[in-house]
Amino acid sequence: MRLSSPVTTSTVSLASTNPPIGSTNSIYGWGMTCYSGCSASSQLKTATVQVTSNSATDAYGGQAIRSSRISGNAWRGDSGGPQFYNGLQVGVASTADGVSIQNYGSVAFNRAWITSVAGV
């Protein structure tokens, strides 16, 4: 990615626990905004979801946070995007049905690995 001007920013804080069932979280991504005949979004999108389970499975068999749509949902191209609860990143987009359900790999479950690889 090439930016037209310098950017000053900070890193996000990572969660050490999963969000509570029923919590309202925010998701972000560049994924498709229709079911056929369109490509990735040209603008970063956000949606609001509600946590329905902390015992789902991500695409690689790890623990995931399952959410259902409130004002949008994850879809093709959103993989790797964040889910936030109370200002902390709690998940990483893994799988979605494109209609209402999405599974986000649990940051808390993978925290030791994240620290060992990234040092954060």
PDB file of N, CA and C in Angstrom:
ATOM      1  N   MET A   1       0.847  -1.164   0.000  1.00  0.00           N
ATOM      2  CA  MET A   1       0.000   0.000   0.000  1.00  0.00           C
ATOM      3  C   MET A   1       0.896   1.232   0.000  1.00  0.00           C
ATOM      4  N   ARG A   2       0.540   2.185  -0.792  1.00  0.00           N
ATOM      5  CA  ARG A   2       1.278   3.449  -0.846  1.00  0.00           C
ATOM      6  C   ARG A   2       0.332   4.566  -0.436  1.00  0.00           C
ATOM      7  N   LEU A   3       0.765   5.362   0.552  1.00  0.00           N
ATOM      8  CA  LEU A   3      -0.039   6.475   1.033  1.00  0.00           C
ATOM      9  C   LEU A   3       0.459   7.780   0.430  1.00  0.00           C
ATOM     10  N   SER A   4      -0.431   8.722   0.227  1.00  0.00           N
ATOM     11  CA  SER A   4      -0.054  10.003  -0.362  1.00  0.00           C
ATOM     12  C   SER A   4       0.618  10.922   0.643  1.00  0.00           C
ATOM     13  N   SER A   5       0.459  10.638   1.931  1.00  0.00           N
ATOM     14  CA  SER A   5       1.102  11.440   2.968  1.00  0.00           C
ATOM     15  C   SER A   5       1.352  10.566   4.198  1.00  0.00           C
ATOM     16  N   PRO A   6       2.293  10.965   5.051  1.00  0.00           N
ATOM     17  CA  PRO A   6       2.592  10.177   6.251  1.00  0.00           C
ATOM     18  C   PRO A   6       1.384  10.106   7.194  1.00  0.00           C
ATOM     19  N   VAL A   7       1.309   9.011   7.944  1.00  0.00           N
ATOM     20  CA  VAL A   7       0.231   8.800   8.901  1.00  0.00           C
ATOM     21  C   VAL A   7       0.839   8.512  10.262  1.00  0.00           C
ATOM     22  N   THR A   8       0.288   9.142  11.275  1.00  0.00           N
ATOM     23  CA  THR A   8       0.686   8.857  12.643  1.00  0.00           C
ATOM     24  C   THR A   8      -0.463   8.116  13.297  1.00  0.00           C
ATOM     25  N   THR A   9      -0.160   6.974  13.885  1.00  0.00           N
ATOM     26  CA  THR A   9      -1.221   6.161  14.482  1.00  0.00           C
ATOM     27  C   THR A   9      -0.643   5.353  15.641  1.00  0.00           C
ATOM     28  N   SER A  10      -1.476   4.597  16.299  1.00  0.00           N
ATOM     29  CA  SER A  10      -1.018   3.697  17.362  1.00  0.00           C
ATOM     30  C   SER A  10      -1.578   2.311  17.077  1.00  0.00           C
ATOM     31  N   THR A  11      -1.064   1.327  17.772  1.00  0.00           N
ATOM     32  CA  THR A  11      -1.540  -0.039  17.579  1.00  0.00           C
ATOM     33  C   THR A  11      -2.795  -0.271  18.416  1.00  0.00           C
ATOM     34  N   VAL A  12      -3.532  -1.304  18.065  1.00  0.00           N
ATOM     35  CA  VAL A  12      -4.719  -1.660  18.851  1.00  0.00           C
ATOM     36  C   VAL A  12      -4.293  -2.500  20.047  1.00  0.00           C
ATOM     37  N   SER A  13      -5.126  -2.509  21.048  1.00  0.00           N
ATOM     38  CA  SER A  13      -4.887  -3.357  22.216  1.00  0.00           C
ATOM     39  C   SER A  13      -5.621  -4.672  22.001  1.00  0.00           C
ATOM     40  N   LEU A  14      -4.969  -5.767  22.364  1.00  0.00           N
ATOM     41  CA  LEU A  14      -5.535  -7.098  22.177  1.00  0.00           C
ATOM     42  C   LEU A  14      -6.171  -7.593  23.470  1.00  0.00           C
ATOM     43  N   ALA A  15      -7.302  -8.266  23.333  1.00  0.00           N
ATOM     44  CA  ALA A  15      -8.036  -8.791  24.487  1.00  0.00           C
ATOM     45  C   ALA A  15      -7.356 -10.018  25.066  1.00  0.00           C
ATOM     46  N   SER A  16      -7.521 -10.217  26.366  1.00  0.00           N
ATOM     47  CA  SER A  16      -7.016 -11.437  27.008  1.00  0.00           C
ATOM     48  C   SER A  16      -8.168 -12.352  27.422  1.00  0.00           C
ATOM     49  N   THR A  17      -9.409 -11.896  27.206  1.00  0.00           N
ATOM     50  CA  THR A  17     -10.593 -12.721  27.446  1.00  0.00           C
ATOM     51  C   THR A  17     -11.571 -12.522  26.286  1.00  0.00           C
ATOM     52  N   ASN A  18     -12.418 -13.512  26.071  1.00  0.00           N
ATOM     53  CA  ASN A  18     -13.445 -13.396  25.045  1.00  0.00           C
ATOM     54  C   ASN A  18     -14.540 -12.439  25.497  1.00  0.00           C
ATOM     55  N   PRO A  19     -15.242 -11.824  24.552  1.00  0.00           N
ATOM     56  CA  PRO A  19     -16.344 -10.941  24.923  1.00  0.00           C
ATOM     57  C   PRO A  19     -17.510 -11.767  25.473  1.00  0.00           C
ATOM     58  N   PRO A  20     -18.339 -11.170  26.306  1.00  0.00           N
ATOM     59  CA  PRO A  20     -19.475 -11.929  26.857  1.00  0.00           C
ATOM     60  C   PRO A  20     -20.532 -12.243  25.800  1.00  0.00           C
ATOM     61  N   ILE A  21     -21.215 -13.363  25.979  1.00  0.00           N
ATOM     62  CA  ILE A  21     -22.346 -13.721  25.121  1.00  0.00           C
ATOM     63  C   ILE A  21     -23.367 -12.585  25.218  1.00  0.00           C
ATOM     64  N   GLY A  22     -23.879 -12.175  24.074  1.00  0.00           N
ATOM     65  CA  GLY A  22     -24.857 -11.097  24.043  1.00  0.00           C
ATOM     66  C   GLY A  22     -24.260  -9.721  23.850  1.00  0.00           C
ATOM     67  N   SER A  23     -22.924  -9.618  23.931  1.00  0.00           N
ATOM     68  CA  SER A  23     -22.307  -8.300  23.761  1.00  0.00           C
ATOM     69  C   SER A  23     -22.455  -7.817  22.318  1.00  0.00           C
ATOM     70  N   THR A  24     -22.453  -6.518  22.153  1.00  0.00           N
ATOM     71  CA  THR A  24     -22.533  -5.889  20.846  1.00  0.00           C
ATOM     72  C   THR A  24     -21.132  -5.455  20.448  1.00  0.00           C
ATOM     73  N   ASN A  25     -20.650  -5.986  19.324  1.00  0.00           N
ATOM     74  CA  ASN A  25     -19.280  -5.744  18.864  1.00  0.00           C
ATOM     75  C   ASN A  25     -19.278  -5.097  17.495  1.00  0.00           C
ATOM     76  N   SER A  26     -18.127  -4.546  17.116  1.00  0.00           N
ATOM     77  CA  SER A  26     -17.950  -3.935  15.799  1.00  0.00           C
ATOM     78  C   SER A  26     -16.995  -4.774  14.972  1.00  0.00           C
ATOM     79  N   ILE A  27     -17.322  -4.944  13.680  1.00  0.00           N
ATOM     80  CA  ILE A  27     -16.431  -5.631  12.751  1.00  0.00           C
ATOM     81  C   ILE A  27     -16.100  -4.677  11.604  1.00  0.00           C
ATOM     82  N   TYR A  28     -14.932  -4.899  10.983  1.00  0.00           N
ATOM     83  CA  TYR A  28     -14.462  -4.046   9.896  1.00  0.00           C
ATOM     84  C   TYR A  28     -13.919  -4.918   8.774  1.00  0.00           C
ATOM     85  N   GLY A  29     -14.062  -4.449   7.536  1.00  0.00           N
ATOM     86  CA  GLY A  29     -13.496  -5.220   6.434  1.00  0.00           C
ATOM     87  C   GLY A  29     -13.683  -4.548   5.084  1.00  0.00           C
ATOM     88  N   TRP A  30     -13.008  -5.137   4.087  1.00  0.00           N
ATOM     89  CA  TRP A  30     -13.027  -4.666   2.703  1.00  0.00           C
ATOM     90  C   TRP A  30     -13.770  -5.650   1.810  1.00  0.00           C
ATOM     91  N   GLY A  31     -14.516  -6.571   2.396  1.00  0.00           N
ATOM     92  CA  GLY A  31     -15.148  -7.647   1.640  1.00  0.00           C
ATOM     93  C   GLY A  31     -16.271  -7.205   0.734  1.00  0.00           C
ATOM     94  N   MET A  32     -16.789  -8.193   0.005  1.00  0.00           N
ATOM     95  CA  MET A  32     -17.879  -7.965  -0.940  1.00  0.00           C
ATOM     96  C   MET A  32     -19.102  -7.403  -0.222  1.00  0.00           C
ATOM     97  N   THR A  33     -19.873  -6.616  -0.961  1.00  0.00           N
ATOM     98  CA  THR A  33     -21.087  -6.042  -0.396  1.00  0.00           C
ATOM     99  C   THR A  33     -22.342  -6.562  -1.090  1.00  0.00           C
ATOM    100  N   CYS A  34     -22.174  -7.562  -1.963  1.00  0.00           N
ATOM    101  CA  CYS A  34     -23.316  -8.219  -2.592  1.00  0.00           C
ATOM    102  C   CYS A  34     -22.971  -9.695  -2.769  1.00  0.00           C
ATOM    103  N   TYR A  35     -23.948 -10.502  -3.153  1.00  0.00           N
ATOM    104  CA  TYR A  35     -23.749 -11.942  -3.199  1.00  0.00           C
ATOM    105  C   TYR A  35     -23.223 -12.466  -4.526  1.00  0.00           C
ATOM    106  N   SER A  36     -23.340 -11.705  -5.594  1.00  0.00           N
ATOM    107  CA  SER A  36     -22.774 -12.151  -6.866  1.00  0.00           C
ATOM    108  C   SER A  36     -22.538 -10.948  -7.767  1.00  0.00           C
ATOM    109  N   GLY A  37     -21.502 -11.055  -8.569  1.00  0.00           N
ATOM    110  CA  GLY A  37     -21.229 -10.013  -9.554  1.00  0.00           C
ATOM    111  C   GLY A  37     -20.577  -8.759  -9.023  1.00  0.00           C
ATOM    112  N   CYS A  38     -19.985  -8.807  -7.841  1.00  0.00           N
ATOM    113  CA  CYS A  38     -19.285  -7.618  -7.351  1.00  0.00           C
ATOM    114  C   CYS A  38     -17.942  -8.040  -6.761  1.00  0.00           C
ATOM    115  N   SER A  39     -17.081  -7.065  -6.600  1.00  0.00           N
ATOM    116  CA  SER A  39     -15.752  -7.333  -6.053  1.00  0.00           C
ATOM    117  C   SER A  39     -15.653  -6.721  -4.658  1.00  0.00           C
ATOM    118  N   ALA A  40     -14.450  -6.711  -4.132  1.00  0.00           N
ATOM    119  CA  ALA A  40     -14.219  -6.145  -2.810  1.00  0.00           C
ATOM    120  C   ALA A  40     -14.635  -4.682  -2.770  1.00  0.00           C
ATOM    121  N   SER A  41     -14.979  -4.227  -1.597  1.00  0.00           N
ATOM    122  CA  SER A  41     -15.383  -2.837  -1.414  1.00  0.00           C
ATOM    123  C   SER A  41     -14.191  -1.914  -1.643  1.00  0.00           C
ATOM    124  N   SER A  42     -14.436  -0.751  -2.176  1.00  0.00           N
ATOM    125  CA  SER A  42     -13.365   0.241  -2.361  1.00  0.00           C
ATOM    126  C   SER A  42     -13.197   1.089  -1.106  1.00  0.00           C
ATOM    127  N   GLN A  43     -14.087   0.921  -0.132  1.00  0.00           N
ATOM    128  CA  GLN A  43     -14.010   1.645   1.134  1.00  0.00           C
ATOM    129  C   GLN A  43     -14.116   0.661   2.293  1.00  0.00           C
ATOM    130  N   LEU A  44     -13.400   0.960   3.368  1.00  0.00           N
ATOM    131  CA  LEU A  44     -13.483   0.138   4.565  1.00  0.00           C
ATOM    132  C   LEU A  44     -14.906   0.218   5.118  1.00  0.00           C
ATOM    133  N   LYS A  45     -15.489  -0.942   5.367  1.00  0.00           N
ATOM    134  CA  LYS A  45     -16.854  -1.022   5.883  1.00  0.00           C
ATOM    135  C   LYS A  45     -16.838  -1.443   7.348  1.00  0.00           C
ATOM    136  N   THR A  46     -17.891  -1.093   8.070  1.00  0.00           N
ATOM    137  CA  THR A  46     -18.049  -1.523   9.447  1.00  0.00           C
ATOM    138  C   THR A  46     -19.473  -2.028   9.643  1.00  0.00           C
ATOM    139  N   ALA A  47     -19.654  -2.908  10.602  1.00  0.00           N
ATOM    140  CA  ALA A  47     -20.969  -3.440  10.931  1.00  0.00           C
ATOM    141  C   ALA A  47     -21.011  -3.734  12.420  1.00  0.00           C
ATOM    142  N   THR A  48     -22.213  -3.872  12.940  1.00  0.00           N
ATOM    143  CA  THR A  48     -22.422  -4.201  14.344  1.00  0.00           C
ATOM    144  C   THR A  48     -22.985  -5.614  14.415  1.00  0.00           C
ATOM    145  N   VAL A  49     -22.403  -6.418  15.303  1.00  0.00           N
ATOM    146  CA  VAL A  49     -22.819  -7.810  15.474  1.00  0.00           C
ATOM    147  C   VAL A  49     -23.037  -8.110  16.948  1.00  0.00           C
ATOM    148  N   GLN A  50     -23.748  -9.209  17.212  1.00  0.00           N
ATOM    149  CA  GLN A  50     -23.964  -9.648  18.589  1.00  0.00           C
ATOM    150  C   GLN A  50     -23.345 -11.026  18.784  1.00  0.00           C
ATOM    151  N   VAL A  51     -22.575 -11.194  19.855  1.00  0.00           N
ATOM    152  CA  VAL A  51     -21.917 -12.468  20.154  1.00  0.00           C
ATOM    153  C   VAL A  51     -22.963 -13.488  20.604  1.00  0.00           C
ATOM    154  N   THR A  52     -22.943 -14.656  19.950  1.00  0.00           N
ATOM    155  CA  THR A  52     -23.881 -15.725  20.296  1.00  0.00           C
ATOM    156  C   THR A  52     -23.190 -16.936  20.922  1.00  0.00           C
ATOM    157  N   SER A  53     -21.848 -17.048  20.739  1.00  0.00           N
ATOM    158  CA  SER A  53     -21.116 -18.191  21.298  1.00  0.00           C
ATOM    159  C   SER A  53     -19.627 -17.875  21.344  1.00  0.00           C
ATOM    160  N   ASN A  54     -18.955 -18.410  22.347  1.00  0.00           N
ATOM    161  CA  ASN A  54     -17.491 -18.335  22.421  1.00  0.00           C
ATOM    162  C   ASN A  54     -16.874 -19.714  22.250  1.00  0.00           C
ATOM    163  N   SER A  55     -17.666 -20.673  21.776  1.00  0.00           N
ATOM    164  CA  SER A  55     -17.154 -22.034  21.623  1.00  0.00           C
ATOM    165  C   SER A  55     -17.304 -22.534  20.185  1.00  0.00           C
ATOM    166  N   ALA A  56     -17.371 -21.614  19.236  1.00  0.00           N
ATOM    167  CA  ALA A  56     -17.407 -21.993  17.824  1.00  0.00           C
ATOM    168  C   ALA A  56     -15.994 -22.358  17.378  1.00  0.00           C
ATOM    169  N   THR A  57     -15.860 -22.778  16.128  1.00  0.00           N
ATOM    170  CA  THR A  57     -14.566 -23.172  15.584  1.00  0.00           C
ATOM    171  C   THR A  57     -14.231 -22.309  14.374  1.00  0.00           C
ATOM    172  N   ASP A  58     -12.970 -21.866  14.295  1.00  0.00           N
ATOM    173  CA  ASP A  58     -12.551 -21.091  13.132  1.00  0.00           C
ATOM    174  C   ASP A  58     -12.169 -22.032  11.991  1.00  0.00           C
ATOM    175  N   ALA A  59     -11.711 -21.483  10.875  1.00  0.00           N
ATOM    176  CA  ALA A  59     -11.402 -22.269   9.676  1.00  0.00           C
ATOM    177  C   ALA A  59     -10.280 -23.287   9.901  1.00  0.00           C
ATOM    178  N   TYR A  60      -9.485 -23.124  10.965  1.00  0.00           N
ATOM    179  CA  TYR A  60      -8.352 -24.022  11.225  1.00  0.00           C
ATOM    180  C   TYR A  60      -8.546 -24.876  12.465  1.00  0.00           C
ATOM    181  N   GLY A  61      -9.771 -24.909  12.997  1.00  0.00           N
ATOM    182  CA  GLY A  61     -10.062 -25.763  14.138  1.00  0.00           C
ATOM    183  C   GLY A  61      -9.824 -25.124  15.487  1.00  0.00           C
ATOM    184  N   GLY A  62      -9.446 -23.856  15.514  1.00  0.00           N
ATOM    185  CA  GLY A  62      -9.234 -23.154  16.777  1.00  0.00           C
ATOM    186  C   GLY A  62     -10.520 -22.571  17.318  1.00  0.00           C
ATOM    187  N   GLN A  63     -10.458 -22.080  18.539  1.00  0.00           N
ATOM    188  CA  GLN A  63     -11.633 -21.482  19.167  1.00  0.00           C
ATOM    189  C   GLN A  63     -12.028 -20.197  18.447  1.00  0.00           C
ATOM    190  N   ALA A  64     -13.320 -20.004  18.262  1.00  0.00           N
ATOM    191  CA  ALA A  64     -13.813 -18.808  17.577  1.00  0.00           C
ATOM    192  C   ALA A  64     -14.986 -18.197  18.319  1.00  0.00           C
ATOM    193  N   ILE A  65     -15.190 -16.916  18.052  1.00  0.00           N
ATOM    194  CA  ILE A  65     -16.328 -16.156  18.561  1.00  0.00           C
ATOM    195  C   ILE A  65     -17.371 -16.135  17.450  1.00  0.00           C
ATOM    196  N   ARG A  66     -18.548 -16.676  17.725  1.00  0.00           N
ATOM    197  CA  ARG A  66     -19.622 -16.658  16.724  1.00  0.00           C
ATOM    198  C   ARG A  66     -20.509 -15.443  16.996  1.00  0.00           C
ATOM    199  N   SER A  67     -20.821 -14.737  15.928  1.00  0.00           N
ATOM    200  CA  SER A  67     -21.650 -13.540  16.027  1.00  0.00           C
ATOM    201  C   SER A  67     -22.751 -13.587  14.988  1.00  0.00           C
ATOM    202  N   SER A  68     -23.841 -12.887  15.282  1.00  0.00           N
ATOM    203  CA  SER A  68     -24.914 -12.747  14.303  1.00  0.00           C
ATOM    204  C   SER A  68     -25.083 -11.262  13.989  1.00  0.00           C
ATOM    205  N   ARG A  69     -25.585 -10.998  12.821  1.00  0.00           N
ATOM    206  CA  ARG A  69     -25.700  -9.624  12.344  1.00  0.00           C
ATOM    207  C   ARG A  69     -26.701  -8.810  13.147  1.00  0.00           C
ATOM    208  N   ILE A  70     -26.340  -7.548  13.328  1.00  0.00           N
ATOM    209  CA  ILE A  70     -27.282  -6.540  13.807  1.00  0.00           C
ATOM    210  C   ILE A  70     -27.463  -5.539  12.674  1.00  0.00           C
ATOM    211  N   SER A  71     -26.329  -4.981  12.206  1.00  0.00           N
ATOM    212  CA  SER A  71     -26.407  -3.997  11.120  1.00  0.00           C
ATOM    213  C   SER A  71     -25.460  -4.336   9.981  1.00  0.00           C
ATOM    214  N   GLY A  72     -25.233  -5.594   9.731  1.00  0.00           N
ATOM    215  CA  GLY A  72     -24.342  -6.027   8.658  1.00  0.00           C
ATOM    216  C   GLY A  72     -23.626  -7.289   9.072  1.00  0.00           C
ATOM    217  N   ASN A  73     -22.826  -7.833   8.161  1.00  0.00           N
ATOM    218  CA  ASN A  73     -22.107  -9.055   8.473  1.00  0.00           C
ATOM    219  C   ASN A  73     -20.848  -9.173   7.625  1.00  0.00           C
ATOM    220  N   ALA A  74     -19.962 -10.063   8.037  1.00  0.00           N
ATOM    221  CA  ALA A  74     -18.738 -10.333   7.292  1.00  0.00           C
ATOM    222  C   ALA A  74     -19.080 -11.176   6.066  1.00  0.00           C
ATOM    223  N   TRP A  75     -18.229 -11.081   5.026  1.00  0.00           N
ATOM    224  CA  TRP A  75     -18.445 -11.839   3.812  1.00  0.00           C
ATOM    225  C   TRP A  75     -17.117 -12.003   3.103  1.00  0.00           C
ATOM    226  N   ARG A  76     -17.128 -12.564   1.905  1.00  0.00           N
ATOM    227  CA  ARG A  76     -15.894 -12.834   1.160  1.00  0.00           C
ATOM    228  C   ARG A  76     -15.025 -11.591   1.069  1.00  0.00           C
ATOM    229  N   GLY A  77     -13.747 -11.772   1.439  1.00  0.00           N
ATOM    230  CA  GLY A  77     -12.799 -10.667   1.408  1.00  0.00           C
ATOM    231  C   GLY A  77     -12.576 -10.016   2.757  1.00  0.00           C
ATOM    232  N   ASP A  78     -13.390 -10.370   3.757  1.00  0.00           N
ATOM    233  CA  ASP A  78     -13.229  -9.796   5.094  1.00  0.00           C
ATOM    234  C   ASP A  78     -12.282 -10.612   5.977  1.00  0.00           C
ATOM    235  N   SER A  79     -11.855 -11.783   5.507  1.00  0.00           N
ATOM    236  CA  SER A  79     -10.977 -12.641   6.312  1.00  0.00           C
ATOM    237  C   SER A  79      -9.758 -11.877   6.795  1.00  0.00           C
ATOM    238  N   GLY A  80      -9.455 -12.057   8.081  1.00  0.00           N
ATOM    239  CA  GLY A  80      -8.322 -11.375   8.692  1.00  0.00           C
ATOM    240  C   GLY A  80      -8.691 -10.044   9.319  1.00  0.00           C
ATOM    241  N   GLY A  81      -9.890  -9.557   9.048  1.00  0.00           N
ATOM    242  CA  GLY A  81     -10.332  -8.283   9.614  1.00  0.00           C
ATOM    243  C   GLY A  81     -10.663  -8.416  11.090  1.00  0.00           C
ATOM    244  N   PRO A  82     -10.687  -7.306  11.817  1.00  0.00           N
ATOM    245  CA  PRO A  82     -10.866  -7.352  13.268  1.00  0.00           C
ATOM    246  C   PRO A  82     -12.312  -7.305  13.737  1.00  0.00           C
ATOM    247  N   GLN A  83     -12.516  -7.842  14.942  1.00  0.00           N
ATOM    248  CA  GLN A  83     -13.749  -7.647  15.711  1.00  0.00           C
ATOM    249  C   GLN A  83     -13.333  -7.002  17.025  1.00  0.00           C
ATOM    250  N   PHE A  84     -14.045  -5.937  17.415  1.00  0.00           N
ATOM    251  CA  PHE A  84     -13.717  -5.188  18.630  1.00  0.00           C
ATOM    252  C   PHE A  84     -14.857  -5.213  19.629  1.00  0.00           C
ATOM    253  N   TYR A  85     -14.474  -5.268  20.903  1.00  0.00           N
ATOM    254  CA  TYR A  85     -15.403  -5.151  22.021  1.00  0.00           C
ATOM    255  C   TYR A  85     -14.759  -4.239  23.054  1.00  0.00           C
ATOM    256  N   ASN A  86     -15.439  -3.174  23.436  1.00  0.00           N
ATOM    257  CA  ASN A  86     -14.919  -2.213  24.427  1.00  0.00           C
ATOM    258  C   ASN A  86     -13.510  -1.724  24.095  1.00  0.00           C
ATOM    259  N   GLY A  87     -13.248  -1.455  22.823  1.00  0.00           N
ATOM    260  CA  GLY A  87     -11.965  -0.898  22.412  1.00  0.00           C
ATOM    261  C   GLY A  87     -10.831  -1.895  22.277  1.00  0.00           C
ATOM    262  N   LEU A  88     -11.087  -3.178  22.528  1.00  0.00           N
ATOM    263  CA  LEU A  88     -10.061  -4.221  22.420  1.00  0.00           C
ATOM    264  C   LEU A  88     -10.372  -5.122  21.241  1.00  0.00           C
ATOM    265  N   GLN A  89      -9.339  -5.564  20.528  1.00  0.00           N
ATOM    266  CA  GLN A  89      -9.563  -6.522  19.453  1.00  0.00           C
ATOM    267  C   GLN A  89      -9.743  -7.890  20.078  1.00  0.00           C
ATOM    268  N   VAL A  90     -10.927  -8.481  19.843  1.00  0.00           N
ATOM    269  CA  VAL A  90     -11.255  -9.782  20.418  1.00  0.00           C
ATOM    270  C   VAL A  90     -11.200 -10.902  19.394  1.00  0.00           C
ATOM    271  N   GLY A  91     -11.283 -10.562  18.090  1.00  0.00           N
ATOM    272  CA  GLY A  91     -11.336 -11.608  17.080  1.00  0.00           C
ATOM    273  C   GLY A  91     -10.740 -11.200  15.753  1.00  0.00           C
ATOM    274  N   VAL A  92     -10.519 -12.239  14.921  1.00  0.00           N
ATOM    275  CA  VAL A  92      -9.991 -12.085  13.562  1.00  0.00           C
ATOM    276  C   VAL A  92     -10.915 -12.872  12.635  1.00  0.00           C
ATOM    277  N   ALA A  93     -11.464 -12.200  11.612  1.00  0.00           N
ATOM    278  CA  ALA A  93     -12.452 -12.820  10.720  1.00  0.00           C
ATOM    279  C   ALA A  93     -11.917 -14.114  10.122  1.00  0.00           C
ATOM    280  N   SER A  94     -12.726 -15.164  10.226  1.00  0.00           N
ATOM    281  CA  SER A  94     -12.335 -16.475   9.728  1.00  0.00           C
ATOM    282  C   SER A  94     -13.334 -17.018   8.715  1.00  0.00           C
ATOM    283  N   THR A  95     -14.572 -17.247   9.133  1.00  0.00           N
ATOM    284  CA  THR A  95     -15.589 -17.798   8.231  1.00  0.00           C
ATOM    285  C   THR A  95     -16.904 -17.049   8.424  1.00  0.00           C
ATOM    286  N   ALA A  96     -17.731 -17.067   7.377  1.00  0.00           N
ATOM    287  CA  ALA A  96     -19.057 -16.442   7.449  1.00  0.00           C
ATOM    288  C   ALA A  96     -19.964 -17.100   6.436  1.00  0.00           C
ATOM    289  N   ASP A  97     -21.262 -17.035   6.698  1.00  0.00           N
ATOM    290  CA  ASP A  97     -22.202 -17.597   5.738  1.00  0.00           C
ATOM    291  C   ASP A  97     -22.729 -16.535   4.768  1.00  0.00           C
ATOM    292  N   GLY A  98     -22.323 -15.281   4.949  1.00  0.00           N
ATOM    293  CA  GLY A  98     -22.737 -14.215   4.051  1.00  0.00           C
ATOM    294  C   GLY A  98     -24.135 -13.712   4.296  1.00  0.00           C
ATOM    295  N   VAL A  99     -24.830 -14.314   5.242  1.00  0.00           N
ATOM    296  CA  VAL A  99     -26.202 -13.913   5.517  1.00  0.00           C
ATOM    297  C   VAL A  99     -26.328 -13.324   6.919  1.00  0.00           C
ATOM    298  N   SER A 100     -25.915 -14.099   7.916  1.00  0.00           N
ATOM    299  CA  SER A 100     -26.106 -13.590   9.271  1.00  0.00           C
ATOM    300  C   SER A 100     -25.070 -14.059  10.287  1.00  0.00           C
ATOM    301  N   ILE A 101     -24.343 -15.122   9.997  1.00  0.00           N
ATOM    302  CA  ILE A 101     -23.432 -15.691  10.996  1.00  0.00           C
ATOM    303  C   ILE A 101     -21.984 -15.545  10.548  1.00  0.00           C
ATOM    304  N   GLN A 102     -21.121 -15.154  11.482  1.00  0.00           N
ATOM    305  CA  GLN A 102     -19.694 -15.095  11.214  1.00  0.00           C
ATOM    306  C   GLN A 102     -18.920 -15.624  12.419  1.00  0.00           C
ATOM    307  N   ASN A 103     -17.806 -16.303  12.132  1.00  0.00           N
ATOM    308  CA  ASN A 103     -16.912 -16.820  13.162  1.00  0.00           C
ATOM    309  C   ASN A 103     -15.596 -16.064  13.081  1.00  0.00           C
ATOM    310  N   TYR A 104     -15.179 -15.534  14.217  1.00  0.00           N
ATOM    311  CA  TYR A 104     -13.928 -14.799  14.319  1.00  0.00           C
ATOM    312  C   TYR A 104     -12.983 -15.565  15.231  1.00  0.00           C
ATOM    313  N   GLY A 105     -11.782 -15.887  14.743  1.00  0.00           N
ATOM    314  CA  GLY A 105     -10.796 -16.562  15.575  1.00  0.00           C
ATOM    315  C   GLY A 105     -10.576 -15.759  16.848  1.00  0.00           C
ATOM    316  N   SER A 106     -10.565 -16.430  17.986  1.00  0.00           N
ATOM    317  CA  SER A 106     -10.449 -15.772  19.286  1.00  0.00           C
ATOM    318  C   SER A 106      -9.026 -15.275  19.539  1.00  0.00           C
ATOM    319  N   VAL A 107      -8.880 -13.980  19.743  1.00  0.00           N
ATOM    320  CA  VAL A 107      -7.582 -13.397  20.101  1.00  0.00           C
ATOM    321  C   VAL A 107      -7.146 -13.937  21.458  1.00  0.00           C
ATOM    322  N   ALA A 108      -8.062 -14.012  22.421  1.00  0.00           N
ATOM    323  CA  ALA A 108      -7.715 -14.500  23.764  1.00  0.00           C
ATOM    324  C   ALA A 108      -7.192 -15.934  23.714  1.00  0.00           C
ATOM    325  N   PHE A 109      -7.859 -16.799  22.964  1.00  0.00           N
ATOM    326  CA  PHE A 109      -7.452 -18.198  22.847  1.00  0.00           C
ATOM    327  C   PHE A 109      -6.056 -18.312  22.231  1.00  0.00           C
ATOM    328  N   ASN A 110      -5.735 -17.426  21.297  1.00  0.00           N
ATOM    329  CA  ASN A 110      -4.456 -17.469  20.578  1.00  0.00           C
ATOM    330  C   ASN A 110      -3.422 -16.483  21.128  1.00  0.00           C
ATOM    331  N   ARG A 111      -3.692 -15.900  22.276  1.00  0.00           N
ATOM    332  CA  ARG A 111      -2.840 -14.828  22.829  1.00  0.00           C
ATOM    333  C   ARG A 111      -1.384 -15.262  23.028  1.00  0.00           C
ATOM    334  N   ALA A 112      -1.150 -16.438  23.547  1.00  0.00           N
ATOM    335  CA  ALA A 112       0.231 -16.899  23.773  1.00  0.00           C
ATOM    336  C   ALA A 112       0.985 -17.010  22.453  1.00  0.00           C
ATOM    337  N   TRP A 113       0.333 -17.554  21.430  1.00  0.00           N
ATOM    338  CA  TRP A 113       0.975 -17.671  20.112  1.00  0.00           C
ATOM    339  C   TRP A 113       1.241 -16.292  19.526  1.00  0.00           C
ATOM    340  N   ILE A 114       0.261 -15.383  19.620  1.00  0.00           N
ATOM    341  CA  ILE A 114       0.438 -14.014  19.108  1.00  0.00           C
ATOM    342  C   ILE A 114       1.645 -13.370  19.782  1.00  0.00           C
ATOM    343  N   THR A 115       1.752 -13.505  21.089  1.00  0.00           N
ATOM    344  CA  THR A 115       2.881 -12.924  21.815  1.00  0.00           C
ATOM    345  C   THR A 115       4.196 -13.555  21.372  1.00  0.00           C
ATOM    346  N   SER A 116       4.228 -14.870  21.194  1.00  0.00           N
ATOM    347  CA  SER A 116       5.476 -15.538  20.816  1.00  0.00           C
ATOM    348  C   SER A 116       5.939 -15.149  19.413  1.00  0.00           C
ATOM    349  N   VAL A 117       4.998 -14.861  18.526  1.00  0.00           N
ATOM    350  CA  VAL A 117       5.348 -14.529  17.138  1.00  0.00           C
ATOM    351  C   VAL A 117       5.546 -13.025  16.939  1.00  0.00           C
ATOM    352  N   ALA A 118       4.621 -12.241  17.486  1.00  0.00           N
ATOM    353  CA  ALA A 118       4.636 -10.794  17.232  1.00  0.00           C
ATOM    354  C   ALA A 118       5.196  -9.981  18.384  1.00  0.00           C
ATOM    355  N   GLY A 119       5.301 -10.586  19.554  1.00  0.00           N
ATOM    356  CA  GLY A 119       5.859  -9.879  20.692  1.00  0.00           C
ATOM    357  C   GLY A 119       4.900  -8.880  21.327  1.00  0.00           C
ATOM    358  N   VAL A 120       3.609  -8.979  21.005  1.00  0.00           N
ATOM    359  CA  VAL A 120       2.637  -8.034  21.609  1.00  0.00           C
ATOM    360  C   VAL A 120       1.629  -8.789  22.451  1.00  0.00           C
TER     361      VAL A 120
END
